[in-house]
């Protein structure tokens, strides 16, 4: 075939070049990792609590595909706290849930306001399960992942990922714990 190199050419030209390229890439990555603190890149591990607040609006739709299928869209006012003063926020969260047989997926975005006036934004997605309790009560357990999307002021370059896990009951309300690794 035209343009196909022979085995000798591959051994003689490609193999040494590939080795040189791989060694060069490894050295470059090592240098970037070593220089990160000098460049101001500082990954922080922060954990805290998330208190679910009141609903500001809610819409529910019951599609006709299954009798127990429910789609819910809502906006809620929440509070995020941690031991790090930079990560204590009042958040307005917009969420969409798709639920069948008491369980399903949820996803959304949040706009968080810091007391300084700076804002931070994140997206999230996860799974939830609602269990019926004797006497008509219920409990919902949920977990998922968040991704910081930047913000304003000191959060303009905020990036990172988080995990969260929480519980909601009608008697107590809802809360979640979260753990993040982020840079800002």
N, C-alpha and C. Protein backbone atom coordinates (compact mmCIF):
# COMPACT_ATOMS: atom_id res chain seq x y z
N UNK A 1 0.83 -1.18 0.00
CA UNK A 1 0.00 0.00 0.00
C UNK A 1 0.87 1.25 0.00
N UNK A 2 0.41 2.25 -0.64
CA UNK A 2 1.14 3.50 -0.72
C UNK A 2 1.13 4.17 0.65
N UNK A 3 2.27 4.64 1.08
CA UNK A 3 2.35 5.38 2.33
C UNK A 3 2.50 4.52 3.57
N UNK A 4 2.48 3.22 3.46
CA UNK A 4 2.62 2.36 4.64
C UNK A 4 4.11 2.14 4.90
N UNK A 5 4.62 2.49 6.09
CA UNK A 5 6.03 2.29 6.38
C UNK A 5 6.33 0.81 6.60
N UNK A 6 7.58 0.42 6.29
CA UNK A 6 7.94 -0.97 6.53
C UNK A 6 8.41 -1.13 7.97
N UNK A 7 8.59 -2.39 8.42
CA UNK A 7 8.94 -2.70 9.80
C UNK A 7 10.26 -2.07 10.20
N UNK A 8 11.25 -2.09 9.32
CA UNK A 8 12.56 -1.51 9.63
C UNK A 8 12.43 -0.02 9.89
N UNK A 9 11.62 0.66 9.09
CA UNK A 9 11.41 2.09 9.29
C UNK A 9 10.76 2.35 10.64
N UNK A 10 9.76 1.53 11.00
CA UNK A 10 9.09 1.69 12.29
C UNK A 10 10.08 1.51 13.44
N UNK A 11 10.92 0.47 13.37
CA UNK A 11 11.89 0.23 14.45
C UNK A 11 12.92 1.35 14.51
N UNK A 12 13.33 1.83 13.37
CA UNK A 12 14.39 2.81 13.32
C UNK A 12 13.95 4.23 13.58
N UNK A 13 12.75 4.60 13.19
CA UNK A 13 12.33 6.01 13.27
C UNK A 13 11.30 6.25 14.36
N UNK A 14 10.29 5.43 14.42
CA UNK A 14 9.19 5.68 15.34
C UNK A 14 9.56 5.31 16.77
N UNK A 15 10.15 4.17 16.98
CA UNK A 15 10.42 3.71 18.34
C UNK A 15 11.29 4.70 19.11
N UNK A 16 12.46 5.15 18.59
CA UNK A 16 13.26 6.12 19.34
C UNK A 16 12.52 7.44 19.53
N UNK A 17 11.79 7.88 18.52
CA UNK A 17 11.05 9.13 18.65
C UNK A 17 9.98 9.01 19.73
N UNK A 18 9.29 7.87 19.78
CA UNK A 18 8.24 7.67 20.80
C UNK A 18 8.84 7.68 22.19
N UNK A 19 10.00 7.02 22.35
CA UNK A 19 10.65 7.00 23.66
C UNK A 19 11.05 8.41 24.06
N UNK A 20 11.59 9.17 23.15
CA UNK A 20 12.00 10.54 23.44
C UNK A 20 10.78 11.38 23.81
N UNK A 21 9.71 11.21 23.07
CA UNK A 21 8.48 11.96 23.35
C UNK A 21 7.94 11.62 24.73
N UNK A 22 7.89 10.33 25.09
CA UNK A 22 7.37 9.92 26.39
C UNK A 22 8.24 10.43 27.52
N UNK A 23 9.57 10.35 27.38
CA UNK A 23 10.47 10.86 28.40
C UNK A 23 10.30 12.37 28.54
N UNK A 24 10.20 13.07 27.41
CA UNK A 24 9.99 14.52 27.45
C UNK A 24 8.70 14.91 28.13
N UNK A 25 7.63 14.17 27.84
CA UNK A 25 6.33 14.46 28.48
C UNK A 25 6.41 14.21 29.98
N UNK A 26 7.07 13.13 30.40
CA UNK A 26 7.19 12.82 31.83
C UNK A 26 7.97 13.92 32.55
N UNK A 27 9.05 14.41 31.94
CA UNK A 27 9.84 15.48 32.55
C UNK A 27 9.00 16.75 32.65
N UNK A 28 8.28 17.08 31.59
CA UNK A 28 7.45 18.30 31.59
C UNK A 28 6.36 18.22 32.66
N UNK A 29 5.70 17.08 32.77
CA UNK A 29 4.66 16.92 33.80
C UNK A 29 5.25 17.03 35.19
N UNK A 30 6.44 16.45 35.38
CA UNK A 30 7.10 16.54 36.67
C UNK A 30 7.44 17.98 37.03
N UNK A 31 7.88 18.74 36.04
CA UNK A 31 8.22 20.14 36.28
C UNK A 31 6.97 20.95 36.62
N UNK A 32 5.87 20.69 35.93
CA UNK A 32 4.62 21.40 36.23
C UNK A 32 4.17 21.09 37.64
N UNK A 33 4.23 19.81 38.02
CA UNK A 33 3.82 19.43 39.38
C UNK A 33 4.70 20.09 40.42
N UNK A 34 6.01 20.14 40.18
CA UNK A 34 6.93 20.75 41.13
C UNK A 34 6.73 22.26 41.22
N UNK A 35 6.34 22.89 40.11
CA UNK A 35 6.18 24.33 40.08
C UNK A 35 4.80 24.79 40.54
N UNK A 36 3.84 23.89 40.67
CA UNK A 36 2.46 24.29 41.00
C UNK A 36 2.38 25.20 42.21
N UNK A 37 3.04 24.88 43.35
CA UNK A 37 2.95 25.81 44.48
C UNK A 37 3.52 27.18 44.14
N UNK A 38 4.58 27.24 43.36
CA UNK A 38 5.17 28.52 42.99
C UNK A 38 4.25 29.31 42.07
N UNK A 39 3.41 28.60 41.30
CA UNK A 39 2.49 29.27 40.39
C UNK A 39 1.19 29.66 41.08
N UNK A 40 1.07 29.39 42.36
CA UNK A 40 -0.13 29.74 43.10
C UNK A 40 -1.23 28.71 43.01
N UNK A 41 -0.95 27.53 42.48
CA UNK A 41 -1.94 26.47 42.41
C UNK A 41 -1.87 25.69 43.72
N UNK A 42 -2.91 25.79 44.51
CA UNK A 42 -2.94 25.14 45.82
C UNK A 42 -4.26 24.39 45.95
N UNK A 43 -4.18 23.08 45.92
CA UNK A 43 -5.39 22.27 46.07
C UNK A 43 -5.75 22.19 47.54
N UNK A 44 -6.98 22.50 47.86
CA UNK A 44 -7.46 22.44 49.24
C UNK A 44 -8.49 21.34 49.37
N UNK A 45 -8.46 20.64 50.49
CA UNK A 45 -9.48 19.66 50.82
C UNK A 45 -10.34 20.28 51.91
N UNK A 46 -11.61 20.47 51.60
CA UNK A 46 -12.53 21.11 52.53
C UNK A 46 -13.77 20.24 52.67
N UNK A 47 -14.29 20.14 53.87
CA UNK A 47 -15.53 19.40 54.08
C UNK A 47 -16.46 20.22 54.97
N UNK A 48 -17.73 19.90 54.88
CA UNK A 48 -18.68 20.66 55.66
C UNK A 48 -20.07 20.06 55.62
N UNK A 49 -21.03 20.89 55.99
CA UNK A 49 -22.45 20.48 56.05
C UNK A 49 -23.27 21.35 55.12
N UNK A 50 -24.36 20.80 54.68
CA UNK A 50 -25.29 21.49 53.79
C UNK A 50 -26.68 21.33 54.39
N UNK A 51 -27.32 22.43 54.73
CA UNK A 51 -28.66 22.40 55.31
C UNK A 51 -29.66 22.80 54.23
N UNK A 52 -30.58 21.89 53.92
CA UNK A 52 -31.60 22.18 52.92
C UNK A 52 -32.63 23.13 53.49
N UNK A 53 -32.89 24.20 52.76
CA UNK A 53 -33.80 25.23 53.23
C UNK A 53 -35.16 25.16 52.58
N UNK A 54 -35.89 26.25 52.64
CA UNK A 54 -37.26 26.27 52.11
C UNK A 54 -37.30 26.29 50.58
N UNK A 55 -38.37 25.72 50.04
CA UNK A 55 -38.61 25.77 48.60
C UNK A 55 -39.10 27.16 48.23
N UNK A 56 -38.53 27.72 47.17
CA UNK A 56 -38.99 29.01 46.66
C UNK A 56 -40.04 28.81 45.57
N UNK A 57 -39.92 27.68 44.85
CA UNK A 57 -40.94 27.29 43.87
C UNK A 57 -40.79 25.81 43.58
N UNK A 58 -41.88 25.18 43.11
CA UNK A 58 -41.84 23.76 42.77
C UNK A 58 -42.93 23.45 41.75
N UNK A 59 -42.56 22.63 40.76
CA UNK A 59 -43.51 22.13 39.78
C UNK A 59 -43.33 20.61 39.68
N UNK A 60 -44.46 19.90 39.62
CA UNK A 60 -44.43 18.45 39.53
C UNK A 60 -45.25 18.01 38.33
N UNK A 61 -44.70 17.05 37.58
CA UNK A 61 -45.38 16.50 36.41
C UNK A 61 -45.41 14.99 36.57
N UNK A 62 -46.53 14.37 36.23
CA UNK A 62 -46.63 12.91 36.26
C UNK A 62 -46.83 12.42 34.82
N UNK A 63 -45.75 11.99 34.16
CA UNK A 63 -45.88 11.48 32.79
C UNK A 63 -46.79 10.25 32.76
N UNK A 64 -47.34 9.96 31.60
CA UNK A 64 -48.28 8.84 31.49
C UNK A 64 -47.60 7.52 31.14
N UNK A 65 -46.25 7.50 31.08
CA UNK A 65 -45.57 6.26 30.71
C UNK A 65 -45.64 5.19 31.80
N UNK A 66 -45.61 5.59 33.08
CA UNK A 66 -45.71 4.67 34.22
C UNK A 66 -46.54 5.34 35.29
N UNK A 67 -47.25 4.58 36.05
CA UNK A 67 -48.13 5.18 37.04
C UNK A 67 -47.37 5.85 38.18
N UNK A 68 -46.15 5.42 38.46
CA UNK A 68 -45.40 6.00 39.57
C UNK A 68 -44.23 6.89 39.12
N UNK A 69 -44.25 7.35 37.88
CA UNK A 69 -43.19 8.21 37.35
C UNK A 69 -43.52 9.66 37.68
N UNK A 70 -42.56 10.36 38.30
CA UNK A 70 -42.75 11.75 38.69
C UNK A 70 -41.53 12.56 38.26
N UNK A 71 -41.76 13.71 37.65
CA UNK A 71 -40.71 14.67 37.34
C UNK A 71 -40.95 15.90 38.22
N UNK A 72 -39.91 16.35 38.89
CA UNK A 72 -40.04 17.49 39.79
C UNK A 72 -38.96 18.50 39.44
N UNK A 73 -39.34 19.76 39.39
CA UNK A 73 -38.39 20.85 39.20
C UNK A 73 -38.65 21.86 40.30
N UNK A 74 -37.59 22.29 41.00
CA UNK A 74 -37.79 23.25 42.08
C UNK A 74 -36.59 24.16 42.24
N UNK A 75 -36.83 25.25 42.97
CA UNK A 75 -35.78 26.18 43.39
C UNK A 75 -35.88 26.24 44.91
N UNK A 76 -34.70 26.17 45.57
CA UNK A 76 -34.68 26.11 47.03
C UNK A 76 -33.56 27.01 47.54
N UNK A 77 -33.72 27.53 48.75
CA UNK A 77 -32.71 28.35 49.41
C UNK A 77 -32.02 27.51 50.49
N UNK A 78 -30.71 27.26 50.34
CA UNK A 78 -29.96 26.37 51.22
C UNK A 78 -28.80 27.11 51.90
N UNK A 79 -28.18 26.45 52.87
CA UNK A 79 -27.03 27.02 53.58
C UNK A 79 -25.89 26.01 53.57
N UNK A 80 -24.72 26.43 53.10
CA UNK A 80 -23.52 25.59 53.05
C UNK A 80 -22.52 26.13 54.08
N UNK A 81 -22.03 25.26 54.99
CA UNK A 81 -21.08 25.69 56.02
C UNK A 81 -19.87 24.76 56.05
N UNK A 82 -18.75 25.32 56.53
CA UNK A 82 -17.54 24.53 56.71
C UNK A 82 -16.66 25.23 57.74
N UNK A 83 -15.56 24.59 58.11
CA UNK A 83 -14.60 25.20 59.01
C UNK A 83 -13.76 26.26 58.31
N UNK A 84 -13.79 26.30 56.99
CA UNK A 84 -13.06 27.30 56.20
C UNK A 84 -13.99 28.48 55.97
N UNK A 85 -13.64 29.67 56.45
CA UNK A 85 -14.55 30.82 56.29
C UNK A 85 -14.85 31.18 54.84
N UNK A 86 -14.01 30.75 53.90
CA UNK A 86 -14.30 31.01 52.49
C UNK A 86 -15.46 30.15 51.99
N UNK A 87 -15.78 29.08 52.68
CA UNK A 87 -16.81 28.17 52.19
C UNK A 87 -17.99 28.07 53.15
N UNK A 88 -18.57 29.25 53.42
CA UNK A 88 -19.84 29.39 54.13
C UNK A 88 -20.70 30.27 53.24
N UNK A 89 -21.75 29.67 52.67
CA UNK A 89 -22.54 30.34 51.64
C UNK A 89 -24.04 30.22 51.92
N UNK A 90 -24.79 31.18 51.39
CA UNK A 90 -26.23 31.04 51.20
C UNK A 90 -26.41 30.73 49.72
N UNK A 91 -27.03 29.60 49.41
CA UNK A 91 -27.12 29.12 48.03
C UNK A 91 -28.56 29.07 47.55
N UNK A 92 -28.76 29.48 46.31
CA UNK A 92 -30.04 29.29 45.63
C UNK A 92 -29.82 28.16 44.62
N UNK A 93 -30.53 27.08 44.85
CA UNK A 93 -30.32 25.85 44.09
C UNK A 93 -31.52 25.60 43.18
N UNK A 94 -31.25 25.22 41.95
CA UNK A 94 -32.29 24.84 40.99
C UNK A 94 -32.05 23.38 40.64
N UNK A 95 -33.05 22.54 40.90
CA UNK A 95 -32.89 21.09 40.76
C UNK A 95 -34.01 20.48 39.94
N UNK A 96 -33.67 19.41 39.23
CA UNK A 96 -34.65 18.60 38.51
C UNK A 96 -34.48 17.15 38.95
N UNK A 97 -35.61 16.51 39.29
CA UNK A 97 -35.62 15.11 39.72
C UNK A 97 -36.44 14.29 38.74
N UNK A 98 -35.98 13.09 38.48
CA UNK A 98 -36.71 12.12 37.65
C UNK A 98 -36.81 10.86 38.50
N UNK A 99 -38.02 10.52 38.93
CA UNK A 99 -38.21 9.49 39.94
C UNK A 99 -39.26 8.46 39.52
N UNK A 100 -38.93 7.19 39.72
CA UNK A 100 -39.86 6.08 39.49
C UNK A 100 -39.72 5.12 40.66
N UNK A 101 -40.83 4.65 41.18
CA UNK A 101 -40.84 3.68 42.30
C UNK A 101 -40.06 4.19 43.50
N UNK A 102 -40.10 5.48 43.77
CA UNK A 102 -39.47 6.03 44.95
C UNK A 102 -37.99 6.32 44.83
N UNK A 103 -37.40 6.07 43.68
CA UNK A 103 -35.97 6.34 43.52
C UNK A 103 -35.70 6.96 42.17
N UNK A 104 -34.54 7.56 42.03
CA UNK A 104 -34.23 8.15 40.74
C UNK A 104 -32.99 9.00 40.76
N UNK A 105 -32.89 9.84 39.74
CA UNK A 105 -31.74 10.72 39.55
C UNK A 105 -32.16 12.17 39.81
N UNK A 106 -31.19 12.96 40.23
CA UNK A 106 -31.40 14.40 40.38
C UNK A 106 -30.16 15.12 39.85
N UNK A 107 -30.37 16.33 39.35
CA UNK A 107 -29.26 17.15 38.88
C UNK A 107 -29.68 18.62 38.92
N UNK A 108 -28.68 19.49 38.90
CA UNK A 108 -29.01 20.91 38.92
C UNK A 108 -27.79 21.79 39.01
N UNK A 109 -28.05 23.05 39.33
CA UNK A 109 -27.01 24.06 39.47
C UNK A 109 -27.30 24.88 40.72
N UNK A 110 -26.27 25.55 41.23
CA UNK A 110 -26.45 26.38 42.41
C UNK A 110 -25.62 27.65 42.29
N UNK A 111 -26.18 28.73 42.79
CA UNK A 111 -25.55 30.04 42.81
C UNK A 111 -25.39 30.40 44.29
N UNK A 112 -24.15 30.42 44.78
CA UNK A 112 -23.89 30.61 46.21
C UNK A 112 -23.30 31.99 46.49
N UNK A 113 -23.86 32.66 47.48
CA UNK A 113 -23.44 34.01 47.86
C UNK A 113 -22.64 33.95 49.15
N UNK A 114 -21.41 34.49 49.12
CA UNK A 114 -20.54 34.59 50.29
C UNK A 114 -20.83 35.92 50.98
N UNK A 115 -20.55 36.03 52.27
CA UNK A 115 -20.82 37.29 52.98
C UNK A 115 -20.04 38.47 52.41
N UNK A 116 -18.94 38.19 51.68
CA UNK A 116 -18.16 39.27 51.05
C UNK A 116 -18.86 39.86 49.83
N UNK A 117 -19.89 39.16 49.35
CA UNK A 117 -20.57 39.57 48.13
C UNK A 117 -20.11 38.78 46.91
N UNK A 118 -19.00 38.03 47.05
CA UNK A 118 -18.53 37.18 45.96
C UNK A 118 -19.46 35.98 45.82
N UNK A 119 -19.52 35.45 44.60
CA UNK A 119 -20.37 34.31 44.32
C UNK A 119 -19.55 33.13 43.82
N UNK A 120 -20.06 31.92 44.09
CA UNK A 120 -19.47 30.68 43.59
C UNK A 120 -20.59 29.86 42.98
N UNK A 121 -20.27 29.15 41.90
CA UNK A 121 -21.27 28.37 41.18
C UNK A 121 -20.84 26.91 41.12
N UNK A 122 -21.82 26.00 41.23
CA UNK A 122 -21.52 24.59 41.05
C UNK A 122 -22.68 23.88 40.37
N UNK A 123 -22.36 22.76 39.73
CA UNK A 123 -23.37 21.87 39.19
C UNK A 123 -23.31 20.58 40.02
N UNK A 124 -24.37 19.80 39.98
CA UNK A 124 -24.40 18.57 40.75
C UNK A 124 -25.29 17.55 40.06
N UNK A 125 -25.04 16.28 40.38
CA UNK A 125 -25.91 15.20 39.92
C UNK A 125 -25.73 14.01 40.85
N UNK A 126 -26.81 13.26 41.00
CA UNK A 126 -26.74 12.12 41.90
C UNK A 126 -27.99 11.27 41.85
N UNK A 127 -28.09 10.40 42.85
CA UNK A 127 -29.20 9.46 42.97
C UNK A 127 -29.90 9.66 44.31
N UNK A 128 -31.18 9.35 44.34
CA UNK A 128 -31.93 9.42 45.59
C UNK A 128 -32.90 8.25 45.68
N UNK A 129 -33.29 7.93 46.91
CA UNK A 129 -34.25 6.85 47.16
C UNK A 129 -35.14 7.29 48.30
N UNK A 130 -36.45 7.19 48.10
CA UNK A 130 -37.42 7.55 49.12
C UNK A 130 -38.04 6.26 49.65
N UNK A 131 -37.95 6.07 50.96
CA UNK A 131 -38.50 4.87 51.60
C UNK A 131 -39.69 5.24 52.46
N UNK A 132 -40.80 4.50 52.30
CA UNK A 132 -41.99 4.71 53.11
C UNK A 132 -41.75 4.14 54.51
N UNK A 133 -42.30 4.81 55.51
CA UNK A 133 -42.19 4.38 56.91
C UNK A 133 -43.57 3.98 57.41
N UNK A 134 -43.63 3.12 58.41
CA UNK A 134 -44.94 2.78 59.00
C UNK A 134 -45.64 4.04 59.52
N UNK A 135 -46.92 4.10 59.34
CA UNK A 135 -47.69 5.25 59.80
C UNK A 135 -47.74 6.39 58.80
N UNK A 136 -47.24 6.18 57.58
CA UNK A 136 -47.33 7.20 56.55
C UNK A 136 -46.13 8.11 56.42
N UNK A 137 -45.12 7.94 57.24
CA UNK A 137 -43.92 8.78 57.14
C UNK A 137 -43.02 8.32 56.00
N UNK A 138 -41.94 9.02 55.82
CA UNK A 138 -40.98 8.66 54.78
C UNK A 138 -39.60 9.20 55.13
N UNK A 139 -38.61 8.68 54.44
CA UNK A 139 -37.23 9.12 54.56
C UNK A 139 -36.59 9.04 53.19
N UNK A 140 -35.88 10.07 52.81
CA UNK A 140 -35.17 10.09 51.52
C UNK A 140 -33.67 10.15 51.78
N UNK A 141 -32.94 9.27 51.14
CA UNK A 141 -31.49 9.29 51.19
C UNK A 141 -30.97 9.65 49.80
N UNK A 142 -29.92 10.47 49.75
CA UNK A 142 -29.40 10.91 48.46
C UNK A 142 -27.88 11.03 48.52
N UNK A 143 -27.26 10.93 47.36
CA UNK A 143 -25.81 11.12 47.25
C UNK A 143 -25.45 11.45 45.82
N UNK A 144 -24.29 12.05 45.66
CA UNK A 144 -23.87 12.41 44.32
C UNK A 144 -22.56 13.17 44.29
N UNK A 145 -22.35 13.87 43.19
CA UNK A 145 -21.11 14.61 42.96
C UNK A 145 -21.42 16.04 42.55
N UNK A 146 -20.57 16.96 42.99
CA UNK A 146 -20.66 18.38 42.63
C UNK A 146 -19.40 18.75 41.86
N UNK A 147 -19.53 19.78 41.05
CA UNK A 147 -18.36 20.31 40.33
C UNK A 147 -18.42 21.85 40.40
N UNK A 148 -17.38 22.45 41.01
CA UNK A 148 -17.30 23.91 41.08
C UNK A 148 -17.03 24.47 39.70
N UNK A 149 -17.74 25.56 39.35
CA UNK A 149 -17.69 26.15 38.01
C UNK A 149 -17.15 27.57 37.99
N UNK A 150 -16.47 28.00 39.05
CA UNK A 150 -15.96 29.36 39.10
C UNK A 150 -16.89 30.27 39.87
N UNK A 151 -16.76 31.56 39.63
CA UNK A 151 -17.59 32.51 40.35
C UNK A 151 -17.13 33.93 40.09
N UNK A 152 -17.30 34.78 41.10
CA UNK A 152 -16.86 36.17 41.01
C UNK A 152 -15.87 36.43 42.13
N UNK A 153 -15.11 37.53 42.01
CA UNK A 153 -14.15 37.89 43.05
C UNK A 153 -13.15 36.78 43.31
N UNK A 154 -12.97 36.42 44.58
CA UNK A 154 -11.96 35.42 44.92
C UNK A 154 -12.32 34.02 44.43
N UNK A 155 -13.55 33.81 43.96
CA UNK A 155 -13.97 32.50 43.46
C UNK A 155 -13.96 32.42 41.93
N UNK A 156 -13.42 33.46 41.29
CA UNK A 156 -13.42 33.51 39.83
C UNK A 156 -12.75 32.29 39.20
N UNK A 157 -11.68 31.79 39.81
CA UNK A 157 -10.95 30.65 39.25
C UNK A 157 -11.22 29.36 40.02
N UNK A 158 -12.31 29.32 40.76
CA UNK A 158 -12.65 28.14 41.57
C UNK A 158 -12.98 26.94 40.68
N UNK A 159 -12.24 25.87 40.88
CA UNK A 159 -12.50 24.60 40.20
C UNK A 159 -12.31 23.49 41.22
N UNK A 160 -12.98 22.38 41.00
CA UNK A 160 -12.81 21.24 41.87
C UNK A 160 -14.02 20.34 41.85
N UNK A 161 -13.89 19.22 42.52
CA UNK A 161 -14.98 18.25 42.58
C UNK A 161 -15.27 17.91 44.04
N UNK A 162 -16.50 17.51 44.27
CA UNK A 162 -16.96 17.17 45.62
C UNK A 162 -17.84 15.93 45.56
N UNK A 163 -18.00 15.31 46.70
CA UNK A 163 -19.01 14.28 46.85
C UNK A 163 -19.93 14.73 47.99
N UNK A 164 -21.17 14.29 47.94
CA UNK A 164 -22.12 14.62 49.00
C UNK A 164 -23.00 13.42 49.29
N UNK A 165 -23.52 13.40 50.52
CA UNK A 165 -24.41 12.33 50.96
C UNK A 165 -25.31 12.91 52.03
N UNK A 166 -26.63 12.66 51.91
CA UNK A 166 -27.54 13.26 52.87
C UNK A 166 -28.83 12.50 53.06
N UNK A 167 -29.70 13.11 53.88
CA UNK A 167 -30.97 12.49 54.28
C UNK A 167 -32.01 13.58 54.49
N UNK A 168 -33.26 13.26 54.14
CA UNK A 168 -34.38 14.18 54.35
C UNK A 168 -35.50 13.40 55.03
N UNK A 169 -36.10 14.00 56.06
CA UNK A 169 -37.32 13.46 56.66
C UNK A 169 -38.28 14.63 56.86
N UNK A 170 -39.59 14.36 56.87
CA UNK A 170 -40.52 15.48 57.08
C UNK A 170 -40.40 16.09 58.48
N UNK A 171 -39.97 15.31 59.45
CA UNK A 171 -39.86 15.81 60.83
C UNK A 171 -38.66 16.72 61.03
N UNK A 172 -37.54 16.37 60.42
CA UNK A 172 -36.28 17.08 60.68
C UNK A 172 -35.86 17.99 59.53
N UNK A 173 -36.33 17.73 58.34
CA UNK A 173 -35.86 18.46 57.17
C UNK A 173 -34.70 17.70 56.55
N UNK A 174 -33.84 18.41 55.85
CA UNK A 174 -32.76 17.74 55.16
C UNK A 174 -31.41 18.35 55.41
N UNK A 175 -30.40 17.48 55.36
CA UNK A 175 -29.02 17.94 55.47
C UNK A 175 -28.12 16.95 54.75
N UNK A 176 -26.92 17.40 54.46
CA UNK A 176 -25.95 16.56 53.77
C UNK A 176 -24.56 16.92 54.25
N UNK A 177 -23.67 15.97 54.18
CA UNK A 177 -22.25 16.25 54.41
C UNK A 177 -21.58 16.28 53.04
N UNK A 178 -20.53 17.07 52.90
CA UNK A 178 -19.82 17.17 51.62
C UNK A 178 -18.32 17.24 51.86
N UNK A 179 -17.57 16.74 50.88
CA UNK A 179 -16.11 16.77 50.89
C UNK A 179 -15.67 17.20 49.50
N UNK A 180 -14.76 18.18 49.45
CA UNK A 180 -14.31 18.73 48.17
C UNK A 180 -12.79 18.79 48.10
N UNK A 181 -12.28 18.68 46.89
CA UNK A 181 -10.90 19.03 46.58
C UNK A 181 -10.99 20.11 45.51
N UNK A 182 -10.40 21.27 45.81
CA UNK A 182 -10.60 22.41 44.91
C UNK A 182 -9.40 23.34 44.91
N UNK A 183 -9.37 24.18 43.90
CA UNK A 183 -8.37 25.23 43.76
C UNK A 183 -9.10 26.54 43.52
N UNK A 184 -8.60 27.61 44.11
CA UNK A 184 -9.17 28.95 43.86
C UNK A 184 -8.17 30.02 44.18
